[in-house]
Amino acid sequence: MATVGAIIVGAGRGERMGGVDKVFAPLGGRPILAHSTAAFQASPLIRSIVVVLNERNVEQGRALVREGRWDKVVAVITGGARRQDSTRAGIAALPGCDLVAVHDAARPFVTTELIRRGVEAATARGAAVAAMPVKETIKRVRDDGLILDTPPRETLWAAQTPQFARRVALARALDRAQERGQTLTDEAAALEAAGEPVTVFTGAYTNIKVTTPEDLILAAALLAAGVCG
């Protein structure tokens, strides 16, 4: 079985949360970061974890790790200006492993079962991303609001995290993006740009990302309904 390390990325500035750092927003009496990290701590497939945070939150993150007694967390480090910068920093801090899982700290409802599916898919295919088929009809729209076209819905999936890849391939893809001055929104995009094949595996519609105050309300409702794994 491949050895797997995880990077929990939460170095954003919380601009859409009104300046509140979303990863430390309370959810069920615990910070959102506690929910997302605990699932990787609990997974028997994960060997080590690196948590990547905004500089102002690193000490708070380290205190949370001590409080949670998450012995798989080997480092809590400062991230970069962009998602890809934070992921590169996380890879550099991660002990040797075959596969890397990258997860949004602001997705509190990841489960050990979802992690298992991702590890299996990435072991078989090299890189795999949690995703779900879109429910809505999607429009491509110009800057002035005019609709350009309507892509076939059956071909569209909404990407989530965790995203898994072979460590060497992901590090190489991120280095290439850095050299080319590319700014990418997720790890899959870096791999795609480098010509690496990436597959999807089934995520969950409840695997939401808390980005706005409205998302936090939804997350609280899901938690109350017993969704949190």
Protein backbone atom coordinates (compact mmCIF):
# COMPACT_ATOMS: atom_id res chain seq x y z
CA MET A 1 0.00 0.00 0.00
CA ALA A 2 1.25 3.46 -0.89
CA THR A 3 2.27 5.75 1.95
CA VAL A 4 0.09 8.86 2.08
CA GLY A 5 0.74 12.30 3.51
CA ALA A 6 -1.89 15.02 3.81
CA ILE A 7 -1.70 18.79 3.45
CA ILE A 8 -4.54 20.78 5.03
CA VAL A 9 -4.56 24.17 3.30
CA GLY A 10 -6.14 27.16 5.01
CA ALA A 11 -3.94 30.19 4.32
CA GLY A 12 -6.63 32.41 2.78
CA ARG A 13 -7.51 35.88 4.03
CA GLY A 14 -11.23 35.32 4.67
CA GLU A 15 -12.31 38.20 2.42
CA ARG A 16 -15.71 36.68 1.66
CA MET A 17 -16.27 36.00 5.36
CA GLY A 18 -16.08 39.69 6.19
CA GLY A 19 -12.49 39.44 7.37
CA VAL A 20 -13.20 36.56 9.78
CA ASP A 21 -10.80 33.67 9.28
CA LYS A 22 -13.12 30.92 8.15
CA VAL A 23 -10.93 28.03 9.30
CA PHE A 24 -11.26 29.18 12.92
CA ALA A 25 -14.96 30.02 12.68
CA PRO A 26 -16.84 27.97 15.30
CA LEU A 27 -18.88 25.00 14.10
CA GLY A 28 -20.52 22.83 16.72
CA GLY A 29 -18.26 24.25 19.41
CA ARG A 30 -15.03 23.55 17.51
CA PRO A 31 -13.16 25.50 14.83
CA ILE A 32 -13.81 24.37 11.28
CA LEU A 33 -10.12 23.42 11.05
CA ALA A 34 -10.61 20.91 13.85
CA HIS A 35 -13.31 19.08 11.90
CA SER A 36 -11.32 18.91 8.67
CA THR A 37 -8.04 17.86 10.29
CA ALA A 38 -9.59 15.27 12.61
CA ALA A 39 -10.76 13.13 9.69
CA PHE A 40 -7.21 12.79 8.37
CA GLN A 41 -5.92 12.10 11.87
CA ALA A 42 -8.51 9.31 12.18
CA SER A 43 -7.81 7.73 8.78
CA PRO A 44 -5.56 4.65 9.05
CA LEU A 45 -4.33 5.41 5.52
CA ILE A 46 -2.74 8.75 6.41
CA ARG A 47 0.79 8.65 7.79
CA SER A 48 1.53 12.36 8.33
CA ILE A 49 -0.18 15.74 8.09
CA VAL A 50 1.05 19.29 7.44
CA VAL A 51 -1.31 22.19 8.20
CA VAL A 52 -0.73 25.36 6.17
CA LEU A 53 -2.19 28.59 7.55
CA ASN A 54 -2.06 32.34 7.20
CA GLU A 55 0.91 33.76 9.09
CA ARG A 56 -1.30 35.40 11.73
CA ASN A 57 -2.92 32.04 12.56
CA VAL A 58 0.08 29.71 12.78
CA GLU A 59 0.43 29.87 16.57
CA GLN A 60 -3.31 29.41 17.03
CA GLY A 61 -3.11 26.41 14.73
CA ARG A 62 -0.26 24.88 16.71
CA ALA A 63 -2.22 25.33 19.92
CA LEU A 64 -5.21 23.58 18.31
CA VAL A 65 -3.01 20.65 17.28
CA ARG A 66 -1.71 20.29 20.83
CA GLU A 67 -5.23 20.49 22.22
CA GLY A 68 -6.49 17.88 19.76
CA ARG A 69 -3.49 15.61 20.37
CA TRP A 70 -3.14 15.03 16.64
CA ASP A 71 0.11 13.13 16.62
CA LYS A 72 0.10 12.78 12.83
CA VAL A 73 0.51 16.54 12.40
CA VAL A 74 4.24 17.02 11.86
CA ALA A 75 4.17 20.76 11.13
CA VAL A 76 1.95 23.83 11.14
CA ILE A 77 3.48 26.30 8.70
CA THR A 78 2.88 29.62 6.99
CA GLY A 79 1.37 29.48 3.52
CA GLY A 80 1.89 31.67 0.49
CA ALA A 81 -0.07 34.31 -1.38
CA ARG A 82 -1.71 31.74 -3.66
CA ARG A 83 -3.15 28.28 -3.17
CA GLN A 84 -0.34 26.71 -5.21
CA ASP A 85 2.28 28.48 -3.10
CA SER A 86 0.75 27.02 0.06
CA THR A 87 0.63 23.55 -1.43
CA ARG A 88 4.28 23.77 -2.50
CA ALA A 89 5.23 24.79 1.03
CA GLY A 90 3.22 21.89 2.40
CA ILE A 91 4.96 19.38 0.14
CA ALA A 92 8.35 20.70 1.22
CA ALA A 93 7.42 20.20 4.90
CA LEU A 94 5.89 16.75 4.44
CA PRO A 95 7.98 13.68 5.30
CA GLY A 96 8.62 11.14 2.55
CA CYS A 97 5.49 9.56 1.08
CA ASP A 98 4.24 8.13 -2.21
CA LEU A 99 0.93 9.99 -2.44
CA VAL A 100 -0.11 13.45 -1.29
CA ALA A 101 -3.67 14.40 -0.33
CA VAL A 102 -4.45 18.12 -0.41
CA HIS A 103 -7.58 19.24 1.40
CA ASP A 104 -9.27 22.59 1.98
CA ALA A 105 -9.22 23.39 5.69
CA ALA A 106 -12.63 25.00 5.17
CA ARG A 107 -14.28 21.69 4.15
CA PRO A 108 -15.29 20.31 7.56
CA PHE A 109 -17.31 17.30 6.38
CA VAL A 110 -14.60 15.19 4.79
CA THR A 111 -14.79 11.61 6.05
CA THR A 112 -12.41 8.69 6.39
CA GLU A 113 -14.51 6.88 3.76
CA LEU A 114 -14.01 9.71 1.27
CA ILE A 115 -10.27 9.63 2.01
CA ARG A 116 -10.22 5.88 1.40
CA ARG A 117 -11.91 6.26 -2.00
CA GLY A 118 -9.40 8.90 -2.98
CA VAL A 119 -6.38 6.85 -1.97
CA GLU A 120 -7.66 3.87 -3.93
CA ALA A 121 -8.37 5.96 -7.04
CA ALA A 122 -4.99 7.72 -6.95
CA THR A 123 -3.13 4.47 -6.32
CA ALA A 124 -4.74 3.01 -9.43
CA ARG A 125 -4.64 6.08 -11.68
CA GLY A 126 -1.88 8.36 -10.38
CA ALA A 127 -4.05 11.36 -9.53
CA ALA A 128 -7.67 11.64 -8.43
CA VAL A 129 -9.97 14.45 -7.35
CA ALA A 130 -13.16 14.31 -5.28
CA ALA A 131 -15.96 15.69 -7.43
CA MET A 132 -19.71 15.56 -7.95
CA PRO A 133 -21.88 15.94 -11.06
CA VAL A 134 -23.36 19.43 -11.25
CA LYS A 135 -27.10 19.70 -10.63
CA GLU A 136 -27.75 23.05 -12.30
CA THR A 137 -27.61 23.96 -15.96
CA ILE A 138 -24.35 25.85 -16.51
CA LYS A 139 -23.99 28.88 -18.80
CA ARG A 140 -20.79 30.34 -20.17
CA VAL A 141 -21.21 34.10 -20.03
CA ARG A 142 -19.35 37.08 -21.48
CA ASP A 143 -18.18 40.00 -19.34
CA ASP A 144 -21.23 41.99 -20.46
CA GLY A 145 -23.61 39.24 -19.30
CA LEU A 146 -24.42 37.77 -22.72
CA ILE A 147 -24.65 33.96 -22.70
CA LEU A 148 -22.13 32.32 -24.99
CA ASP A 149 -23.28 28.71 -24.77
CA THR A 150 -24.64 25.95 -22.54
CA PRO A 151 -22.16 23.08 -22.02
CA PRO A 152 -23.72 19.61 -21.79
CA ARG A 153 -24.46 19.08 -18.11
CA GLU A 154 -23.54 15.39 -18.19
CA THR A 155 -19.91 16.33 -18.85
CA LEU A 156 -19.64 18.78 -15.94
CA TRP A 157 -18.43 17.90 -12.45
CA ALA A 158 -17.81 20.25 -9.52
CA ALA A 159 -14.34 19.66 -8.12
CA GLN A 160 -13.90 19.33 -4.37
CA THR A 161 -11.09 18.24 -2.10
CA PRO A 162 -9.30 16.12 -1.06
CA GLN A 163 -7.24 15.90 -4.24
CA PHE A 164 -4.67 13.13 -4.45
CA ALA A 165 -1.56 12.73 -6.59
CA ARG A 166 1.81 11.06 -6.63
CA ARG A 167 4.09 13.34 -4.68
CA VAL A 168 6.77 13.54 -7.36
CA ALA A 169 4.26 14.36 -10.11
CA LEU A 170 2.47 17.03 -8.07
CA ALA A 171 5.70 18.70 -6.97
CA ARG A 172 6.93 18.73 -10.57
CA ALA A 173 3.63 20.18 -11.84
CA LEU A 174 3.62 22.95 -9.25
CA ASP A 175 7.25 23.81 -9.98
CA ARG A 176 6.41 24.03 -13.67
CA ALA A 177 3.47 26.35 -12.99
CA GLN A 178 5.79 28.53 -10.90
CA GLU A 179 8.35 28.72 -13.70
CA ARG A 180 5.67 29.67 -16.22
CA GLY A 181 4.05 32.27 -14.01
CA GLN A 182 0.72 30.41 -13.99
CA THR A 183 -1.87 30.96 -11.28
CA LEU A 184 -4.06 27.90 -10.78
CA THR A 185 -7.09 27.29 -8.60
CA ASP A 186 -6.37 23.73 -7.51
CA GLU A 187 -3.86 20.90 -7.68
CA ALA A 188 -5.71 19.14 -10.49
CA ALA A 189 -5.28 22.21 -12.70
CA ALA A 190 -1.52 22.12 -12.14
CA LEU A 191 -1.39 18.44 -13.05
CA GLU A 192 -3.58 18.97 -16.12
CA ALA A 193 -1.36 21.85 -17.31
CA ALA A 194 1.66 19.54 -16.96
CA GLY A 195 -0.01 16.86 -19.08
CA GLU A 196 -0.66 14.49 -16.17
CA PRO A 197 -3.91 12.47 -16.35
CA VAL A 198 -6.34 13.14 -13.50
CA THR A 199 -9.47 11.18 -12.74
CA VAL A 200 -12.46 11.99 -10.54
CA PHE A 201 -13.85 9.89 -7.73
CA THR A 202 -17.18 10.36 -6.03
CA GLY A 203 -17.14 13.06 -3.38
CA ALA A 204 -20.30 14.15 -1.57
CA TYR A 205 -22.78 16.98 -2.00
CA THR A 206 -22.41 17.53 1.74
CA ASN A 207 -18.64 18.02 1.38
CA ILE A 208 -19.15 21.77 1.25
CA LYS A 209 -16.56 24.52 1.48
CA VAL A 210 -17.32 27.27 3.98
CA THR A 211 -16.52 30.48 2.13
CA THR A 212 -19.31 32.92 3.06
CA PRO A 213 -21.43 33.52 6.21
CA GLU A 214 -24.29 31.74 4.44
CA ASP A 215 -22.12 28.64 4.04
CA LEU A 216 -21.50 28.63 7.79
CA ILE A 217 -25.26 28.59 8.41
CA LEU A 218 -25.61 25.63 6.04
CA ALA A 219 -22.70 23.83 7.70
CA ALA A 220 -24.31 24.25 11.11
CA ALA A 221 -27.54 22.74 9.75
CA LEU A 222 -25.66 19.79 8.25
CA LEU A 223 -23.82 19.20 11.50
CA ALA A 224 -27.09 19.29 13.44
CA ALA A 225 -28.45 16.68 10.99
CA GLY A 226 -25.53 14.36 11.81
CA VAL A 227 -23.67 14.72 8.52
CA CYS A 228 -20.22 15.38 9.99
CA GLY A 229 -18.01 12.28 9.72
